[in-house]
Amino acid sequence: MDGLNKISNSGWGMTGLYEGQRLVFSGTFDSKRIRRENWQRFFPFFKTDLTKNPGSIINNLDVYSLFSHNAKWAWREAYFIAKRRGAEVGVEDIFLALLKTSAVNNLFSRFKVDYKTAKNLLQNYLKLKPSPSLLAVQKIPFEAFAISLQLHDHKIGCLMLLGALLTVTPEDNILQAIFANIELDLEKLEIFSDWILNLDYEFPKNSTASKLLFCCEQAAGLEEHFGYFYEFPAIESAVALSSGQTLSDLEHLKALQLLVRAGLLAQKKHIKNISEDLIKQAAEVV
């Protein structure tokens, strides 16, 4: 989407056009707006209409209005986190707020990461009072909007905000080190989002992403039936180990066999979590 990175002088104003509509963002980080939003939750008739721009043939599309309930909660929580430490909202505050949501907690569990460790690391880092990445923060809503469009989601959820953080956070920021450490990138996040949110986005046929998504969806069925919990690296390992082992358009079925075998091994060991090590053991079973 052209123009997403054009930040106006007001910081949260026009950023470009989408289907004849000017993108705007009303979710600014200021106490007056947040108080007003809290009032609007109980008295919806106080709601401000940002869809029309008098004197213009172009309507405004308020990106904030597309945020899910949980995403709005996390956005407000980022403001309070920053306020408690007497600073402006930075990408770190948004990440800390997202860590409190079920969607991001689920992702960290799937990636075999203790989110409390990441939280403590980040909180200790913030004690050094780094300069907030204000421009990156301003870009996040619009980047999240672009991700939601790509994945065919009608709402901007917490996972889309996390994807925006992945995209716009400066390379020298500690968040990028955390993302690299858990091997989280935008494509993996898109696969996870498609899986968990049951979106209708389809990755290119026979791509690694499409095979990962197929295995994720099948793993969900095995979890429901047997009570397993498949870690995302385990599913990645199954797909990787199946690569080149059969015809390209059958590799996803070969990977599924490994997931099933790993589940049988887990039953014998009386464990629920299907790890990458179990997948490797399953690959050795003739």
C-alpha atoms as a PDB file:
ATOM      1  CA  MET A   1       0.000   0.000   0.000  1.00  0.00           C
ATOM      2  CA  ASP A   2       1.629   3.196  -1.158  1.00  0.00           C
ATOM      3  CA  GLY A   3       1.742   6.041   1.311  1.00  0.00           C
ATOM      4  CA  LEU A   4       1.513   4.031   4.519  1.00  0.00           C
ATOM      5  CA  ASN A   5       4.769   5.472   5.772  1.00  0.00           C
ATOM      6  CA  LYS A   6       3.903   9.111   5.095  1.00  0.00           C
ATOM      7  CA  ILE A   7       3.414  10.581   8.543  1.00  0.00           C
ATOM      8  CA  SER A   8       1.838  14.033   8.552  1.00  0.00           C
ATOM      9  CA  ASN A   9       2.990  16.982  10.641  1.00  0.00           C
ATOM     10  CA  SER A  10       0.383  16.173  13.274  1.00  0.00           C
ATOM     11  CA  GLY A  11       1.929  12.741  13.755  1.00  0.00           C
ATOM     12  CA  TRP A  12      -1.282  10.735  13.493  1.00  0.00           C
ATOM     13  CA  GLY A  13      -2.899  12.319  10.446  1.00  0.00           C
ATOM     14  CA  MET A  14      -3.173  11.383   6.796  1.00  0.00           C
ATOM     15  CA  THR A  15      -0.886   8.565   5.722  1.00  0.00           C
ATOM     16  CA  GLY A  16      -2.180   7.731   2.275  1.00  0.00           C
ATOM     17  CA  LEU A  17      -5.237   6.532   0.407  1.00  0.00           C
ATOM     18  CA  TYR A  18      -7.009   3.201   0.440  1.00  0.00           C
ATOM     19  CA  GLU A  19      -9.847   2.596  -2.035  1.00  0.00           C
ATOM     20  CA  GLY A  20     -10.581   6.313  -2.249  1.00  0.00           C
ATOM     21  CA  GLN A  21     -10.477   6.861   1.507  1.00  0.00           C
ATOM     22  CA  ARG A  22      -7.896   8.827   3.459  1.00  0.00           C
ATOM     23  CA  LEU A  23      -6.396   6.832   6.308  1.00  0.00           C
ATOM     24  CA  VAL A  24      -6.441   8.568   9.685  1.00  0.00           C
ATOM     25  CA  PHE A  25      -5.881   7.371  13.247  1.00  0.00           C
ATOM     26  CA  SER A  26      -7.809   8.604  16.257  1.00  0.00           C
ATOM     27  CA  GLY A  27      -6.098   6.432  18.881  1.00  0.00           C
ATOM     28  CA  THR A  28      -3.568   9.043  19.983  1.00  0.00           C
ATOM     29  CA  PHE A  29      -1.732   8.597  23.267  1.00  0.00           C
ATOM     30  CA  ASP A  30      -3.094  11.400  25.417  1.00  0.00           C
ATOM     31  CA  SER A  31      -5.058  11.298  28.654  1.00  0.00           C
ATOM     32  CA  LYS A  32      -7.980  13.376  27.373  1.00  0.00           C
ATOM     33  CA  ARG A  33      -8.609  11.038  24.436  1.00  0.00           C
ATOM     34  CA  ILE A  34      -8.318   7.919  26.583  1.00  0.00           C
ATOM     35  CA  ARG A  35     -10.746   9.333  29.159  1.00  0.00           C
ATOM     36  CA  ARG A  36     -13.142  10.142  26.326  1.00  0.00           C
ATOM     37  CA  GLU A  37     -12.828   6.593  24.984  1.00  0.00           C
ATOM     38  CA  ASN A  38     -13.604   5.160  28.416  1.00  0.00           C
ATOM     39  CA  TRP A  39     -16.745   7.317  28.513  1.00  0.00           C
ATOM     40  CA  GLN A  40     -17.689   6.145  25.029  1.00  0.00           C
ATOM     41  CA  ARG A  41     -17.582   2.526  26.160  1.00  0.00           C
ATOM     42  CA  PHE A  42     -20.501   3.248  28.474  1.00  0.00           C
ATOM     43  CA  PHE A  43     -22.141   6.114  26.577  1.00  0.00           C
ATOM     44  CA  PRO A  44     -21.732   5.346  22.836  1.00  0.00           C
ATOM     45  CA  PHE A  45     -23.653   8.470  21.804  1.00  0.00           C
ATOM     46  CA  PHE A  46     -20.507  10.479  22.661  1.00  0.00           C
ATOM     47  CA  LYS A  47     -18.730   8.814  19.742  1.00  0.00           C
ATOM     48  CA  THR A  48     -16.977  11.132  17.293  1.00  0.00           C
ATOM     49  CA  ASP A  49     -17.511  10.458  13.591  1.00  0.00           C
ATOM     50  CA  LEU A  50     -14.191  10.627  11.737  1.00  0.00           C
ATOM     51  CA  THR A  51     -15.447   9.132   8.475  1.00  0.00           C
ATOM     52  CA  LYS A  52     -16.387  12.433   6.845  1.00  0.00           C
ATOM     53  CA  ASN A  53     -14.145  15.320   5.989  1.00  0.00           C
ATOM     54  CA  PRO A  54     -16.229  18.457   5.284  1.00  0.00           C
ATOM     55  CA  GLY A  55     -15.296  20.182   2.038  1.00  0.00           C
ATOM     56  CA  SER A  56     -13.675  17.081   0.573  1.00  0.00           C
ATOM     57  CA  ILE A  57     -14.950  14.370  -1.739  1.00  0.00           C
ATOM     58  CA  ILE A  58     -12.656  11.913   0.061  1.00  0.00           C
ATOM     59  CA  ASN A  59     -13.893  10.190   3.224  1.00  0.00           C
ATOM     60  CA  ASN A  60     -11.640   9.352   6.138  1.00  0.00           C
ATOM     61  CA  LEU A  61     -11.090   5.772   7.241  1.00  0.00           C
ATOM     62  CA  ASP A  62     -10.190   5.700  10.927  1.00  0.00           C
ATOM     63  CA  VAL A  63      -7.765   2.797  11.336  1.00  0.00           C
ATOM     64  CA  TYR A  64      -8.360   2.777  15.104  1.00  0.00           C
ATOM     65  CA  SER A  65     -12.024   1.892  14.542  1.00  0.00           C
ATOM     66  CA  LEU A  66     -10.826  -1.389  12.989  1.00  0.00           C
ATOM     67  CA  PHE A  67      -8.897  -2.439  16.112  1.00  0.00           C
ATOM     68  CA  SER A  68     -10.367  -5.448  17.898  1.00  0.00           C
ATOM     69  CA  HIS A  69     -11.503  -5.081  21.515  1.00  0.00           C
ATOM     70  CA  ASN A  70      -8.302  -6.719  22.788  1.00  0.00           C
ATOM     71  CA  ALA A  71      -6.105  -4.634  20.488  1.00  0.00           C
ATOM     72  CA  LYS A  72      -7.701  -1.420  21.790  1.00  0.00           C
ATOM     73  CA  TRP A  73      -7.160  -2.636  25.336  1.00  0.00           C
ATOM     74  CA  ALA A  74      -3.469  -3.332  24.621  1.00  0.00           C
ATOM     75  CA  TRP A  75      -3.085   0.066  22.934  1.00  0.00           C
ATOM     76  CA  ARG A  76      -4.480   1.850  25.993  1.00  0.00           C
ATOM     77  CA  GLU A  77      -2.426  -0.344  28.322  1.00  0.00           C
ATOM     78  CA  ALA A  78       0.767   0.713  26.503  1.00  0.00           C
ATOM     79  CA  TYR A  79      -0.063   4.313  27.430  1.00  0.00           C
ATOM     80  CA  PHE A  80      -0.441   3.435  31.120  1.00  0.00           C
ATOM     81  CA  ILE A  81       2.769   1.367  31.120  1.00  0.00           C
ATOM     82  CA  ALA A  82       4.705   4.320  29.711  1.00  0.00           C
ATOM     83  CA  LYS A  83       2.976   6.756  32.065  1.00  0.00           C
ATOM     84  CA  ARG A  84       3.990   4.717  35.124  1.00  0.00           C
ATOM     85  CA  ARG A  85       7.645   5.111  34.178  1.00  0.00           C
ATOM     86  CA  GLY A  86       7.211   8.768  33.240  1.00  0.00           C
ATOM     87  CA  ALA A  87       7.970   8.407  29.534  1.00  0.00           C
ATOM     88  CA  GLU A  88       6.333   8.694  26.145  1.00  0.00           C
ATOM     89  CA  VAL A  89       5.014   5.505  24.608  1.00  0.00           C
ATOM     90  CA  GLY A  90       7.678   3.517  22.788  1.00  0.00           C
ATOM     91  CA  VAL A  91       7.592   0.252  20.877  1.00  0.00           C
ATOM     92  CA  GLU A  92       8.724  -1.497  24.075  1.00  0.00           C
ATOM     93  CA  ASP A  93       5.595  -0.374  25.943  1.00  0.00           C
ATOM     94  CA  ILE A  94       3.362  -1.672  23.159  1.00  0.00           C
ATOM     95  CA  PHE A  95       5.173  -5.009  23.269  1.00  0.00           C
ATOM     96  CA  LEU A  96       4.802  -5.234  27.067  1.00  0.00           C
ATOM     97  CA  ALA A  97       1.083  -4.531  26.708  1.00  0.00           C
ATOM     98  CA  LEU A  98       0.719  -7.202  24.019  1.00  0.00           C
ATOM     99  CA  LEU A  99       2.421  -9.716  26.306  1.00  0.00           C
ATOM    100  CA  LYS A 100      -0.629  -9.414  28.564  1.00  0.00           C
ATOM    101  CA  THR A 101      -3.042 -10.567  25.837  1.00  0.00           C
ATOM    102  CA  SER A 102      -4.116 -14.165  25.293  1.00  0.00           C
ATOM    103  CA  ALA A 103      -3.231 -14.192  21.576  1.00  0.00           C
ATOM    104  CA  VAL A 104       0.400 -13.190  22.115  1.00  0.00           C
ATOM    105  CA  ASN A 105       0.676 -15.441  25.169  1.00  0.00           C
ATOM    106  CA  ASN A 106      -0.497 -18.333  23.008  1.00  0.00           C
ATOM    107  CA  LEU A 107       2.090 -17.486  20.375  1.00  0.00           C
ATOM    108  CA  PHE A 108       4.906 -17.464  22.938  1.00  0.00           C
ATOM    109  CA  SER A 109       3.766 -20.802  24.324  1.00  0.00           C
ATOM    110  CA  ARG A 110       3.758 -22.274  20.810  1.00  0.00           C
ATOM    111  CA  PHE A 111       7.257 -20.932  20.226  1.00  0.00           C
ATOM    112  CA  LYS A 112       8.426 -22.518  23.486  1.00  0.00           C
ATOM    113  CA  VAL A 113       9.278 -19.165  25.036  1.00  0.00           C
ATOM    114  CA  ASP A 114       8.772 -18.047  28.629  1.00  0.00           C
ATOM    115  CA  TYR A 115       7.171 -14.649  28.092  1.00  0.00           C
ATOM    116  CA  LYS A 116       8.051 -13.668  31.687  1.00  0.00           C
ATOM    117  CA  THR A 117      11.739 -13.829  30.785  1.00  0.00           C
ATOM    118  CA  ALA A 118      11.226 -11.474  27.840  1.00  0.00           C
ATOM    119  CA  LYS A 119       9.137  -9.184  30.045  1.00  0.00           C
ATOM    120  CA  ASN A 120      11.794  -8.990  32.779  1.00  0.00           C
ATOM    121  CA  LEU A 121      14.555  -8.393  30.221  1.00  0.00           C
ATOM    122  CA  LEU A 122      12.619  -5.557  28.660  1.00  0.00           C
ATOM    123  CA  GLN A 123      11.668  -3.955  31.965  1.00  0.00           C
ATOM    124  CA  ASN A 124      15.308  -3.956  33.070  1.00  0.00           C
ATOM    125  CA  TYR A 125      16.305  -2.420  29.736  1.00  0.00           C
ATOM    126  CA  LEU A 126      13.738   0.361  30.151  1.00  0.00           C
ATOM    127  CA  LYS A 127      15.349   1.337  33.444  1.00  0.00           C
ATOM    128  CA  LEU A 128      18.192   2.703  31.290  1.00  0.00           C
ATOM    129  CA  LYS A 129      15.614   5.188  29.903  1.00  0.00           C
ATOM    130  CA  PRO A 130      16.196   4.690  26.166  1.00  0.00           C
ATOM    131  CA  SER A 131      14.809   7.258  23.748  1.00  0.00           C
ATOM    132  CA  PRO A 132      11.345   6.199  22.512  1.00  0.00           C
ATOM    133  CA  SER A 133      10.995   5.309  18.828  1.00  0.00           C
ATOM    134  CA  LEU A 134       8.210   7.819  18.218  1.00  0.00           C
ATOM    135  CA  LEU A 135       8.141   7.560  14.422  1.00  0.00           C
ATOM    136  CA  ALA A 136       7.966   3.770  14.620  1.00  0.00           C
ATOM    137  CA  VAL A 137       5.063   4.010  17.075  1.00  0.00           C
ATOM    138  CA  GLN A 138       3.181   6.285  14.683  1.00  0.00           C
ATOM    139  CA  LYS A 139       3.643   3.798  11.850  1.00  0.00           C
ATOM    140  CA  ILE A 140       2.410   0.761  13.814  1.00  0.00           C
ATOM    141  CA  PRO A 141      -1.375   1.203  13.318  1.00  0.00           C
ATOM    142  CA  PHE A 142      -1.033   1.622   9.562  1.00  0.00           C
ATOM    143  CA  GLU A 143       1.386  -1.270   9.186  1.00  0.00           C
ATOM    144  CA  ALA A 144      -0.981  -3.447  11.236  1.00  0.00           C
ATOM    145  CA  PHE A 145      -3.789  -2.337   8.913  1.00  0.00           C
ATOM    146  CA  ALA A 146      -1.731  -3.446   5.890  1.00  0.00           C
ATOM    147  CA  ILE A 147      -1.071  -6.849   7.492  1.00  0.00           C
ATOM    148  CA  SER A 148      -4.761  -7.342   8.263  1.00  0.00           C
ATOM    149  CA  LEU A 149      -5.594  -6.574   4.626  1.00  0.00           C
ATOM    150  CA  GLN A 150      -3.046  -9.064   3.370  1.00  0.00           C
ATOM    151  CA  LEU A 151      -4.407 -11.808   5.632  1.00  0.00           C
ATOM    152  CA  HIS A 152      -8.032 -10.986   4.789  1.00  0.00           C
ATOM    153  CA  ASP A 153      -8.922 -10.210   8.388  1.00  0.00           C
ATOM    154  CA  HIS A 154     -11.703  -7.683   8.935  1.00  0.00           C
ATOM    155  CA  LYS A 155     -10.231  -6.610  12.284  1.00  0.00           C
ATOM    156  CA  ILE A 156      -6.808  -5.437  13.425  1.00  0.00           C
ATOM    157  CA  GLY A 157      -5.967  -7.751  16.297  1.00  0.00           C
ATOM    158  CA  CYS A 158      -3.099  -8.128  18.726  1.00  0.00           C
ATOM    159  CA  LEU A 159      -1.188 -10.422  16.366  1.00  0.00           C
ATOM    160  CA  MET A 160      -1.359  -7.769  13.630  1.00  0.00           C
ATOM    161  CA  LEU A 161       0.038  -5.209  16.081  1.00  0.00           C
ATOM    162  CA  LEU A 162       2.839  -7.648  16.896  1.00  0.00           C
ATOM    163  CA  GLY A 163       3.507  -8.047  13.174  1.00  0.00           C
ATOM    164  CA  ALA A 164       3.707  -4.285  12.828  1.00  0.00           C
ATOM    165  CA  LEU A 165       6.251  -4.202  15.654  1.00  0.00           C
ATOM    166  CA  LEU A 166       8.315  -6.777  13.781  1.00  0.00           C
ATOM    167  CA  THR A 167       8.240  -4.593  10.679  1.00  0.00           C
ATOM    168  CA  VAL A 168       8.759  -1.046  11.946  1.00  0.00           C
ATOM    169  CA  THR A 169      10.936  -1.464  15.056  1.00  0.00           C
ATOM    170  CA  PRO A 170      14.487  -0.202  14.352  1.00  0.00           C
ATOM    171  CA  GLU A 171      17.099  -2.908  13.887  1.00  0.00           C
ATOM    172  CA  ASP A 172      19.163  -1.680  16.833  1.00  0.00           C
ATOM    173  CA  ASN A 173      16.219  -1.910  19.248  1.00  0.00           C
ATOM    174  CA  ILE A 174      16.195  -4.638  21.893  1.00  0.00           C
ATOM    175  CA  LEU A 175      12.870  -5.947  20.555  1.00  0.00           C
ATOM    176  CA  GLN A 176      14.550  -7.062  17.341  1.00  0.00           C
ATOM    177  CA  ALA A 177      17.049  -9.033  19.436  1.00  0.00           C
ATOM    178  CA  ILE A 178      14.147 -10.722  21.251  1.00  0.00           C
ATOM    179  CA  PHE A 179      12.404 -11.549  17.956  1.00  0.00           C
ATOM    180  CA  ALA A 180      15.640 -12.945  16.515  1.00  0.00           C
ATOM    181  CA  ASN A 181      16.264 -15.029  19.624  1.00  0.00           C
ATOM    182  CA  ILE A 182      12.905 -16.804  19.323  1.00  0.00           C
ATOM    183  CA  GLU A 183      13.244 -16.949  15.522  1.00  0.00           C
ATOM    184  CA  LEU A 184      10.020 -15.050  14.965  1.00  0.00           C
ATOM    185  CA  ASP A 185       9.611 -13.327  11.618  1.00  0.00           C
ATOM    186  CA  LEU A 186       6.668 -11.881   9.735  1.00  0.00           C
ATOM    187  CA  GLU A 187       5.989 -14.992   7.634  1.00  0.00           C
ATOM    188  CA  LYS A 188       5.831 -17.239  10.703  1.00  0.00           C
ATOM    189  CA  LEU A 189       3.545 -14.746  12.383  1.00  0.00           C
ATOM    190  CA  GLU A 190       1.283 -14.714   9.320  1.00  0.00           C
ATOM    191  CA  ILE A 191       1.106 -18.533   9.352  1.00  0.00           C
ATOM    192  CA  PHE A 192       0.340 -18.528  13.072  1.00  0.00           C
ATOM    193  CA  SER A 193      -2.328 -15.836  12.639  1.00  0.00           C
ATOM    194  CA  ASP A 194      -3.972 -17.701   9.760  1.00  0.00           C
ATOM    195  CA  TRP A 195      -4.009 -20.870  11.870  1.00  0.00           C
ATOM    196  CA  ILE A 196      -5.239 -19.442  15.167  1.00  0.00           C
ATOM    197  CA  LEU A 197      -7.709 -16.928  13.736  1.00  0.00           C
ATOM    198  CA  ASN A 198      -9.005 -19.320  11.057  1.00  0.00           C
ATOM    199  CA  LEU A 199      -8.540 -16.782   8.279  1.00  0.00           C
ATOM    200  CA  ASP A 200      -9.211 -17.511   4.611  1.00  0.00           C
ATOM    201  CA  TYR A 201      -5.800 -16.399   3.352  1.00  0.00           C
ATOM    202  CA  GLU A 202      -4.023 -18.992   1.187  1.00  0.00           C
ATOM    203  CA  PHE A 203      -0.283 -19.139   0.757  1.00  0.00           C
ATOM    204  CA  PRO A 204       1.159 -20.115  -2.650  1.00  0.00           C
ATOM    205  CA  LYS A 205       0.626 -23.780  -3.449  1.00  0.00           C
ATOM    206  CA  ASN A 206       3.494 -26.084  -2.424  1.00  0.00           C
ATOM    207  CA  SER A 207       5.266 -23.240  -0.640  1.00  0.00           C
ATOM    208  CA  THR A 208       6.824 -23.982   2.733  1.00  0.00           C
ATOM    209  CA  ALA A 209       4.303 -21.603   4.288  1.00  0.00           C
ATOM    210  CA  SER A 210       1.350 -23.505   2.805  1.00  0.00           C
ATOM    211  CA  LYS A 211       2.730 -26.808   4.100  1.00  0.00           C
ATOM    212  CA  LEU A 212       3.321 -25.337   7.540  1.00  0.00           C
ATOM    213  CA  LEU A 213      -0.230 -24.017   7.653  1.00  0.00           C
ATOM    214  CA  PHE A 214      -1.645 -27.397   6.566  1.00  0.00           C
ATOM    215  CA  CYS A 215       0.300 -29.133   9.340  1.00  0.00           C
ATOM    216  CA  CYS A 216      -0.776 -26.522  11.883  1.00  0.00           C
ATOM    217  CA  GLU A 217      -4.420 -27.085  10.984  1.00  0.00           C
ATOM    218  CA  GLN A 218      -4.026 -30.872  11.212  1.00  0.00           C
ATOM    219  CA  ALA A 219      -2.157 -30.517  14.504  1.00  0.00           C
ATOM    220  CA  ALA A 220      -5.157 -28.626  15.879  1.00  0.00           C
ATOM    221  CA  GLY A 221      -7.352 -31.658  15.137  1.00  0.00           C
ATOM    222  CA  LEU A 222      -4.890 -34.006  16.833  1.00  0.00           C
ATOM    223  CA  GLU A 223      -4.744 -31.705  19.841  1.00  0.00           C
ATOM    224  CA  GLU A 224      -8.513 -31.670  20.163  1.00  0.00           C
ATOM    225  CA  HIS A 225      -8.753 -35.446  19.930  1.00  0.00           C
ATOM    226  CA  PHE A 226      -5.711 -36.518  21.967  1.00  0.00           C
ATOM    227  CA  GLY A 227      -4.963 -33.505  24.163  1.00  0.00           C
ATOM    228  CA  TYR A 228      -1.523 -32.852  22.638  1.00  0.00           C
ATOM    229  CA  PHE A 229       0.112 -29.438  22.435  1.00  0.00           C
ATOM    230  CA  TYR A 230       2.272 -28.989  19.318  1.00  0.00           C
ATOM    231  CA  GLU A 231       5.056 -26.452  19.612  1.00  0.00           C
ATOM    232  CA  PHE A 232       5.580 -24.429  16.446  1.00  0.00           C
ATOM    233  CA  PRO A 233       9.284 -25.460  16.081  1.00  0.00           C
ATOM    234  CA  ALA A 234       8.087 -29.088  16.110  1.00  0.00           C
ATOM    235  CA  ILE A 235       5.783 -28.440  13.168  1.00  0.00           C
ATOM    236  CA  GLU A 236       8.574 -26.595  11.377  1.00  0.00           C
ATOM    237  CA  SER A 237      10.877 -29.552  11.950  1.00  0.00           C
ATOM    238  CA  ALA A 238       8.310 -32.007  10.548  1.00  0.00           C
ATOM    239  CA  VAL A 239       7.999 -29.956   7.366  1.00  0.00           C
ATOM    240  CA  ALA A 240      11.770 -29.547   7.043  1.00  0.00           C
ATOM    241  CA  LEU A 241      12.450 -33.263   7.550  1.00  0.00           C
ATOM    242  CA  SER A 242       9.836 -34.143   4.920  1.00  0.00           C
ATOM    243  CA  SER A 243      11.357 -31.866   2.314  1.00  0.00           C
ATOM    244  CA  GLY A 244      12.666 -33.888  -0.618  1.00  0.00           C
ATOM    245  CA  GLN A 245      11.466 -37.187   0.874  1.00  0.00           C
ATOM    246  CA  THR A 246       8.631 -37.588  -1.638  1.00  0.00           C
ATOM    247  CA  LEU A 247       6.897 -35.668  -4.416  1.00  0.00           C
ATOM    248  CA  SER A 248       6.700 -31.954  -3.707  1.00  0.00           C
ATOM    249  CA  ASP A 249       2.903 -31.903  -3.553  1.00  0.00           C
ATOM    250  CA  LEU A 250       2.904 -34.792  -1.050  1.00  0.00           C
ATOM    251  CA  GLU A 251       5.513 -33.454   1.371  1.00  0.00           C
ATOM    252  CA  HIS A 252       2.841 -31.971   3.637  1.00  0.00           C
ATOM    253  CA  LEU A 253       1.314 -35.450   4.071  1.00  0.00           C
ATOM    254  CA  LYS A 254       4.740 -36.873   4.906  1.00  0.00           C
ATOM    255  CA  ALA A 255       5.118 -34.144   7.522  1.00  0.00           C
ATOM    256  CA  LEU A 256       1.708 -35.025   8.940  1.00  0.00           C
ATOM    257  CA  GLN A 257       2.871 -38.625   9.390  1.00  0.00           C
ATOM    258  CA  LEU A 258       5.732 -37.331  11.542  1.00  0.00           C
ATOM    259  CA  LEU A 259       3.315 -35.302  13.652  1.00  0.00           C
ATOM    260  CA  VAL A 260       1.177 -38.398  14.250  1.00  0.00           C
ATOM    261  CA  ARG A 261       4.207 -40.558  15.094  1.00  0.00           C
ATOM    262  CA  ALA A 262       5.475 -37.924  17.482  1.00  0.00           C
ATOM    263  CA  GLY A 263       2.083 -37.977  19.174  1.00  0.00           C
ATOM    264  CA  LEU A 264       2.320 -41.741  19.659  1.00  0.00           C
ATOM    265  CA  LEU A 265       5.755 -41.309  21.191  1.00  0.00           C
ATOM    266  CA  ALA A 266       4.363 -38.638  23.497  1.00  0.00           C
ATOM    267  CA  GLN A 267       1.652 -41.049  24.657  1.00  0.00           C
ATOM    268  CA  LYS A 268       4.257 -43.669  25.514  1.00  0.00           C
ATOM    269  CA  LYS A 269       6.272 -41.098  27.442  1.00  0.00           C
ATOM    270  CA  HIS A 270       3.113 -39.726  29.150  1.00  0.00           C
ATOM    271  CA  ILE A 271       3.747 -36.168  28.015  1.00  0.00           C
ATOM    272  CA  LYS A 272       1.513 -33.659  26.274  1.00  0.00           C
ATOM    273  CA  ASN A 273       3.927 -31.217  24.625  1.00  0.00           C
ATOM    274  CA  ILE A 274       5.132 -32.278  21.186  1.00  0.00           C
ATOM    275  CA  SER A 275       8.630 -30.845  20.857  1.00  0.00           C
ATOM    276  CA  GLU A 276      11.142 -30.646  18.023  1.00  0.00           C
ATOM    277  CA  ASP A 277      13.106 -33.482  19.657  1.00  0.00           C
ATOM    278  CA  LEU A 278      10.065 -35.762  19.520  1.00  0.00           C
ATOM    279  CA  ILE A 279       9.663 -35.015  15.824  1.00  0.00           C
ATOM    280  CA  LYS A 280      13.293 -35.981  15.204  1.00  0.00           C
ATOM    281  CA  GLN A 281      12.772 -39.203  17.151  1.00  0.00           C
ATOM    282  CA  ALA A 282       9.654 -39.925  15.093  1.00  0.00           C
ATOM    283  CA  ALA A 283      11.675 -39.449  11.898  1.00  0.00           C
ATOM    284  CA  GLU A 284      14.026 -42.219  13.025  1.00  0.00           C
ATOM    285  CA  VAL A 285      11.161 -44.700  13.437  1.00  0.00           C
ATOM    286  CA  VAL A 286      11.018 -47.010  10.452  1.00  0.00           C
END
